[in-house]
Amino acid sequence: MTPDERLAAFLSEEAAPAQSGSARPSVDAMFVAEVMQAVGRRELRIKLASAAVTAVAAGAVLWACAPVLDLAVQILAPVLLPVAGILTVAAAVVVALGGQGLARR
């Protein structure tokens, strides 16, 4: 019986004593914590595995598209360089003036 099944059986209404007047048995906190920890680890492994698969797939797609992206960067970079410089200076001014405004409050 797995820890999840043991926990479900322990906490279920069917596991309550047969006497009608008695209360449900007390819950073993350590057992519940261990089961929750095991379930959390299992969910973490699943999420990490899916993130790894997604990263590998994205890397493969970008690797396949690299020649096209390289060509696009070579064509667009000289055109967008002045615009990028102007936007960088504007962002620096906004950050500098915004920081002074926040310091006054």
N, C-alpha and C. Protein backbone atom coordinates (compact mmCIF):
# COMPACT_ATOMS: atom_id res chain seq x y z
N MET A 1 0.85 -1.17 0.00
CA MET A 1 0.00 0.00 0.00
C MET A 1 0.90 1.24 0.00
N THR A 2 0.66 2.14 -0.92
CA THR A 2 1.49 3.35 -1.02
C THR A 2 1.12 4.33 0.08
N PRO A 3 1.99 5.27 0.38
CA PRO A 3 1.66 6.26 1.42
C PRO A 3 0.39 7.03 1.09
N ASP A 4 0.15 7.33 -0.19
CA ASP A 4 -1.08 8.05 -0.55
C ASP A 4 -2.31 7.21 -0.22
N GLU A 5 -2.24 5.94 -0.54
CA GLU A 5 -3.38 5.06 -0.25
C GLU A 5 -3.57 4.90 1.25
N ARG A 6 -2.48 4.79 1.99
CA ARG A 6 -2.59 4.68 3.45
C ARG A 6 -3.22 5.93 4.04
N LEU A 7 -2.81 7.09 3.53
CA LEU A 7 -3.38 8.34 4.03
C LEU A 7 -4.86 8.43 3.69
N ALA A 8 -5.23 8.06 2.47
CA ALA A 8 -6.64 8.10 2.09
C ALA A 8 -7.46 7.16 2.94
N ALA A 9 -6.94 5.97 3.20
CA ALA A 9 -7.66 5.01 4.03
C ALA A 9 -7.76 5.50 5.47
N PHE A 10 -6.70 6.12 5.95
CA PHE A 10 -6.67 6.60 7.33
C PHE A 10 -7.64 7.75 7.54
N LEU A 11 -7.75 8.62 6.56
CA LEU A 11 -8.58 9.81 6.72
C LEU A 11 -10.01 9.63 6.22
N SER A 12 -10.29 8.52 5.58
CA SER A 12 -11.63 8.33 5.02
C SER A 12 -12.64 8.05 6.12
N GLU A 13 -13.89 8.27 5.78
CA GLU A 13 -14.97 8.05 6.73
C GLU A 13 -15.16 6.55 6.99
N GLU A 14 -14.79 5.73 6.04
CA GLU A 14 -14.94 4.29 6.21
C GLU A 14 -13.96 3.74 7.24
N ALA A 15 -12.87 4.45 7.46
CA ALA A 15 -11.87 4.00 8.41
C ALA A 15 -12.23 4.35 9.84
N ALA A 16 -13.32 5.09 10.03
CA ALA A 16 -13.75 5.47 11.37
C ALA A 16 -14.18 4.22 12.14
N PRO A 17 -14.07 4.26 13.46
CA PRO A 17 -14.46 3.09 14.26
C PRO A 17 -15.94 2.75 14.06
N ALA A 18 -16.26 1.50 14.30
CA ALA A 18 -17.63 1.03 14.09
C ALA A 18 -18.60 1.59 15.13
N GLN A 19 -18.10 2.01 16.27
CA GLN A 19 -18.98 2.55 17.31
C GLN A 19 -19.55 3.88 16.82
N SER A 20 -20.85 4.04 16.97
CA SER A 20 -21.50 5.24 16.44
C SER A 20 -21.19 6.48 17.27
N GLY A 21 -20.94 6.33 18.54
CA GLY A 21 -20.74 7.50 19.40
C GLY A 21 -19.31 7.98 19.47
N SER A 22 -18.35 7.22 18.99
CA SER A 22 -16.96 7.61 19.13
C SER A 22 -16.54 8.56 18.01
N ALA A 23 -15.52 9.35 18.30
CA ALA A 23 -15.02 10.32 17.32
C ALA A 23 -14.01 9.63 16.38
N ARG A 24 -13.68 10.30 15.30
CA ARG A 24 -12.68 9.77 14.36
C ARG A 24 -11.32 9.73 15.05
N PRO A 25 -10.46 8.81 14.63
CA PRO A 25 -9.14 8.73 15.25
C PRO A 25 -8.33 9.98 14.96
N SER A 26 -7.40 10.28 15.85
CA SER A 26 -6.57 11.47 15.65
C SER A 26 -5.66 11.25 14.46
N VAL A 27 -5.30 12.34 13.79
CA VAL A 27 -4.47 12.28 12.60
C VAL A 27 -3.01 12.34 13.02
N ASP A 28 -2.20 11.44 12.48
CA ASP A 28 -0.77 11.43 12.74
C ASP A 28 -0.13 12.52 11.89
N ALA A 29 0.30 13.58 12.53
CA ALA A 29 0.82 14.75 11.82
C ALA A 29 2.10 14.42 11.05
N MET A 30 2.96 13.61 11.60
CA MET A 30 4.21 13.26 10.92
C MET A 30 3.93 12.47 9.64
N PHE A 31 2.99 11.53 9.73
CA PHE A 31 2.64 10.74 8.56
C PHE A 31 2.07 11.62 7.47
N VAL A 32 1.16 12.52 7.84
CA VAL A 32 0.55 13.43 6.87
C VAL A 32 1.63 14.33 6.25
N ALA A 33 2.56 14.83 7.07
CA ALA A 33 3.62 15.69 6.55
C ALA A 33 4.52 14.94 5.58
N GLU A 34 4.84 13.69 5.90
CA GLU A 34 5.69 12.89 5.00
C GLU A 34 5.00 12.61 3.67
N VAL A 35 3.72 12.31 3.74
CA VAL A 35 2.98 12.05 2.50
C VAL A 35 2.89 13.32 1.67
N MET A 36 2.61 14.45 2.31
CA MET A 36 2.53 15.72 1.58
C MET A 36 3.89 16.06 0.96
N GLN A 37 4.95 15.78 1.68
CA GLN A 37 6.30 16.04 1.16
C GLN A 37 6.59 15.15 -0.05
N ALA A 38 6.20 13.90 0.02
CA ALA A 38 6.42 12.99 -1.11
C ALA A 38 5.60 13.43 -2.33
N VAL A 39 4.38 13.85 -2.10
CA VAL A 39 3.55 14.32 -3.20
C VAL A 39 4.14 15.60 -3.80
N GLY A 40 4.62 16.49 -2.95
CA GLY A 40 5.25 17.72 -3.42
C GLY A 40 6.49 17.45 -4.25
N ARG A 41 7.31 16.49 -3.81
CA ARG A 41 8.50 16.13 -4.57
C ARG A 41 8.14 15.56 -5.93
N ARG A 42 7.10 14.72 -5.95
CA ARG A 42 6.66 14.13 -7.21
C ARG A 42 6.18 15.21 -8.18
N GLU A 43 5.40 16.17 -7.68
CA GLU A 43 4.93 17.27 -8.53
C GLU A 43 6.10 18.12 -9.02
N LEU A 44 7.10 18.35 -8.16
CA LEU A 44 8.27 19.13 -8.57
C LEU A 44 9.03 18.42 -9.68
N ARG A 45 9.21 17.10 -9.55
CA ARG A 45 9.90 16.34 -10.59
C ARG A 45 9.16 16.43 -11.92
N ILE A 46 7.84 16.34 -11.87
CA ILE A 46 7.04 16.42 -13.09
C ILE A 46 7.19 17.80 -13.73
N LYS A 47 7.12 18.85 -12.92
CA LYS A 47 7.25 20.21 -13.45
C LYS A 47 8.65 20.45 -14.02
N LEU A 48 9.68 19.96 -13.33
CA LEU A 48 11.04 20.12 -13.84
C LEU A 48 11.24 19.36 -15.15
N ALA A 49 10.68 18.17 -15.23
CA ALA A 49 10.81 17.39 -16.46
C ALA A 49 10.10 18.08 -17.62
N SER A 50 8.93 18.61 -17.37
CA SER A 50 8.21 19.30 -18.46
C SER A 50 8.94 20.58 -18.86
N ALA A 51 9.53 21.29 -17.90
CA ALA A 51 10.30 22.50 -18.23
C ALA A 51 11.54 22.13 -19.04
N ALA A 52 12.18 21.02 -18.70
CA ALA A 52 13.36 20.59 -19.44
C ALA A 52 13.00 20.21 -20.88
N VAL A 53 11.90 19.51 -21.04
CA VAL A 53 11.45 19.13 -22.39
C VAL A 53 11.13 20.38 -23.20
N THR A 54 10.47 21.35 -22.59
CA THR A 54 10.15 22.60 -23.27
C THR A 54 11.41 23.35 -23.66
N ALA A 55 12.39 23.41 -22.77
CA ALA A 55 13.65 24.10 -23.07
C ALA A 55 14.40 23.42 -24.21
N VAL A 56 14.43 22.11 -24.21
CA VAL A 56 15.11 21.38 -25.28
C VAL A 56 14.40 21.62 -26.61
N ALA A 57 13.08 21.59 -26.60
CA ALA A 57 12.33 21.82 -27.84
C ALA A 57 12.54 23.24 -28.35
N ALA A 58 12.51 24.23 -27.45
CA ALA A 58 12.74 25.61 -27.86
C ALA A 58 14.15 25.79 -28.40
N GLY A 59 15.13 25.15 -27.77
CA GLY A 59 16.50 25.22 -28.27
C GLY A 59 16.64 24.61 -29.64
N ALA A 60 15.96 23.50 -29.88
CA ALA A 60 16.02 22.86 -31.20
C ALA A 60 15.39 23.74 -32.27
N VAL A 61 14.27 24.37 -31.93
CA VAL A 61 13.61 25.26 -32.88
C VAL A 61 14.49 26.46 -33.19
N LEU A 62 15.08 27.07 -32.16
CA LEU A 62 15.96 28.22 -32.40
C LEU A 62 17.21 27.82 -33.17
N TRP A 63 17.75 26.64 -32.89
CA TRP A 63 18.92 26.17 -33.64
C TRP A 63 18.57 25.98 -35.11
N ALA A 64 17.37 25.46 -35.38
CA ALA A 64 16.95 25.26 -36.76
C ALA A 64 16.71 26.59 -37.47
N CYS A 65 16.26 27.59 -36.73
CA CYS A 65 15.97 28.90 -37.31
C CYS A 65 17.17 29.84 -37.29
N ALA A 66 18.29 29.43 -36.78
CA ALA A 66 19.45 30.31 -36.62
C ALA A 66 19.92 30.96 -37.92
N PRO A 67 19.99 30.24 -39.04
CA PRO A 67 20.44 30.92 -40.27
C PRO A 67 19.51 32.07 -40.69
N VAL A 68 18.21 31.85 -40.57
CA VAL A 68 17.25 32.89 -40.94
C VAL A 68 17.33 34.06 -39.97
N LEU A 69 17.44 33.76 -38.68
CA LEU A 69 17.53 34.83 -37.69
C LEU A 69 18.83 35.62 -37.85
N ASP A 70 19.91 34.95 -38.18
CA ASP A 70 21.18 35.64 -38.39
C ASP A 70 21.07 36.60 -39.58
N LEU A 71 20.45 36.16 -40.64
CA LEU A 71 20.25 37.01 -41.81
C LEU A 71 19.38 38.22 -41.47
N ALA A 72 18.32 37.99 -40.70
CA ALA A 72 17.43 39.09 -40.32
C ALA A 72 18.15 40.10 -39.44
N VAL A 73 18.99 39.64 -38.53
CA VAL A 73 19.74 40.55 -37.67
C VAL A 73 20.74 41.36 -38.48
N GLN A 74 21.40 40.72 -39.43
CA GLN A 74 22.37 41.44 -40.26
C GLN A 74 21.70 42.52 -41.11
N ILE A 75 20.48 42.28 -41.55
CA ILE A 75 19.76 43.26 -42.37
C ILE A 75 19.19 44.38 -41.51
N LEU A 76 18.59 44.03 -40.37
CA LEU A 76 17.87 45.02 -39.57
C LEU A 76 18.74 45.80 -38.60
N ALA A 77 19.87 45.27 -38.19
CA ALA A 77 20.69 45.94 -37.18
C ALA A 77 21.15 47.33 -37.60
N PRO A 78 21.67 47.54 -38.78
CA PRO A 78 22.10 48.90 -39.15
C PRO A 78 20.93 49.89 -39.20
N VAL A 79 19.74 49.40 -39.56
CA VAL A 79 18.58 50.28 -39.66
C VAL A 79 18.08 50.67 -38.27
N LEU A 80 18.09 49.72 -37.35
CA LEU A 80 17.51 49.95 -36.02
C LEU A 80 18.50 50.51 -35.00
N LEU A 81 19.76 50.60 -35.34
CA LEU A 81 20.77 51.07 -34.40
C LEU A 81 20.49 52.49 -33.90
N PRO A 82 20.19 53.47 -34.75
CA PRO A 82 19.89 54.81 -34.24
C PRO A 82 18.65 54.84 -33.34
N VAL A 83 17.64 54.10 -33.72
CA VAL A 83 16.41 54.06 -32.92
C VAL A 83 16.71 53.46 -31.55
N ALA A 84 17.50 52.40 -31.50
CA ALA A 84 17.85 51.78 -30.23
C ALA A 84 18.63 52.73 -29.35
N GLY A 85 19.54 53.51 -29.94
CA GLY A 85 20.30 54.49 -29.17
C GLY A 85 19.41 55.56 -28.58
N ILE A 86 18.48 56.07 -29.37
CA ILE A 86 17.56 57.11 -28.88
C ILE A 86 16.68 56.56 -27.77
N LEU A 87 16.16 55.36 -27.94
CA LEU A 87 15.31 54.75 -26.90
C LEU A 87 16.10 54.48 -25.62
N THR A 88 17.36 54.12 -25.73
CA THR A 88 18.19 53.88 -24.55
C THR A 88 18.41 55.17 -23.77
N VAL A 89 18.72 56.25 -24.47
CA VAL A 89 18.91 57.55 -23.80
C VAL A 89 17.60 58.01 -23.16
N ALA A 90 16.48 57.85 -23.86
CA ALA A 90 15.18 58.24 -23.30
C ALA A 90 14.86 57.42 -22.06
N ALA A 91 15.13 56.13 -22.08
CA ALA A 91 14.87 55.29 -20.91
C ALA A 91 15.74 55.69 -19.74
N ALA A 92 17.01 56.03 -20.00
CA ALA A 92 17.91 56.46 -18.92
C ALA A 92 17.40 57.76 -18.29
N VAL A 93 16.92 58.70 -19.10
CA VAL A 93 16.39 59.96 -18.58
C VAL A 93 15.15 59.70 -17.74
N VAL A 94 14.26 58.86 -18.21
CA VAL A 94 13.04 58.55 -17.45
C VAL A 94 13.38 57.89 -16.13
N VAL A 95 14.32 56.96 -16.12
CA VAL A 95 14.71 56.29 -14.87
C VAL A 95 15.34 57.29 -13.92
N ALA A 96 16.19 58.17 -14.42
CA ALA A 96 16.84 59.16 -13.56
C ALA A 96 15.84 60.13 -12.96
N LEU A 97 14.95 60.64 -13.78
CA LEU A 97 13.95 61.59 -13.28
C LEU A 97 12.91 60.89 -12.42
N GLY A 98 12.57 59.68 -12.76
CA GLY A 98 11.59 58.93 -11.96
C GLY A 98 12.16 58.59 -10.59
N GLY A 99 13.43 58.28 -10.52
CA GLY A 99 14.06 57.97 -9.23
C GLY A 99 14.10 59.18 -8.32
N GLN A 100 14.33 60.36 -8.89
CA GLN A 100 14.32 61.58 -8.07
C GLN A 100 12.93 61.87 -7.55
N GLY A 101 11.94 61.65 -8.38
CA GLY A 101 10.55 61.88 -7.95
C GLY A 101 10.14 60.94 -6.82
N LEU A 102 10.59 59.71 -6.88
CA LEU A 102 10.25 58.75 -5.83
C LEU A 102 11.01 59.07 -4.54
N ALA A 103 12.22 59.61 -4.65
CA ALA A 103 12.99 59.93 -3.46
C ALA A 103 12.37 61.08 -2.68
N ARG A 104 11.67 61.98 -3.35
CA ARG A 104 11.04 63.13 -2.68
C ARG A 104 9.83 62.71 -1.85
N ARG A 105 9.17 61.64 -2.25
CA ARG A 105 7.94 61.23 -1.54
C ARG A 105 8.27 60.60 -0.27
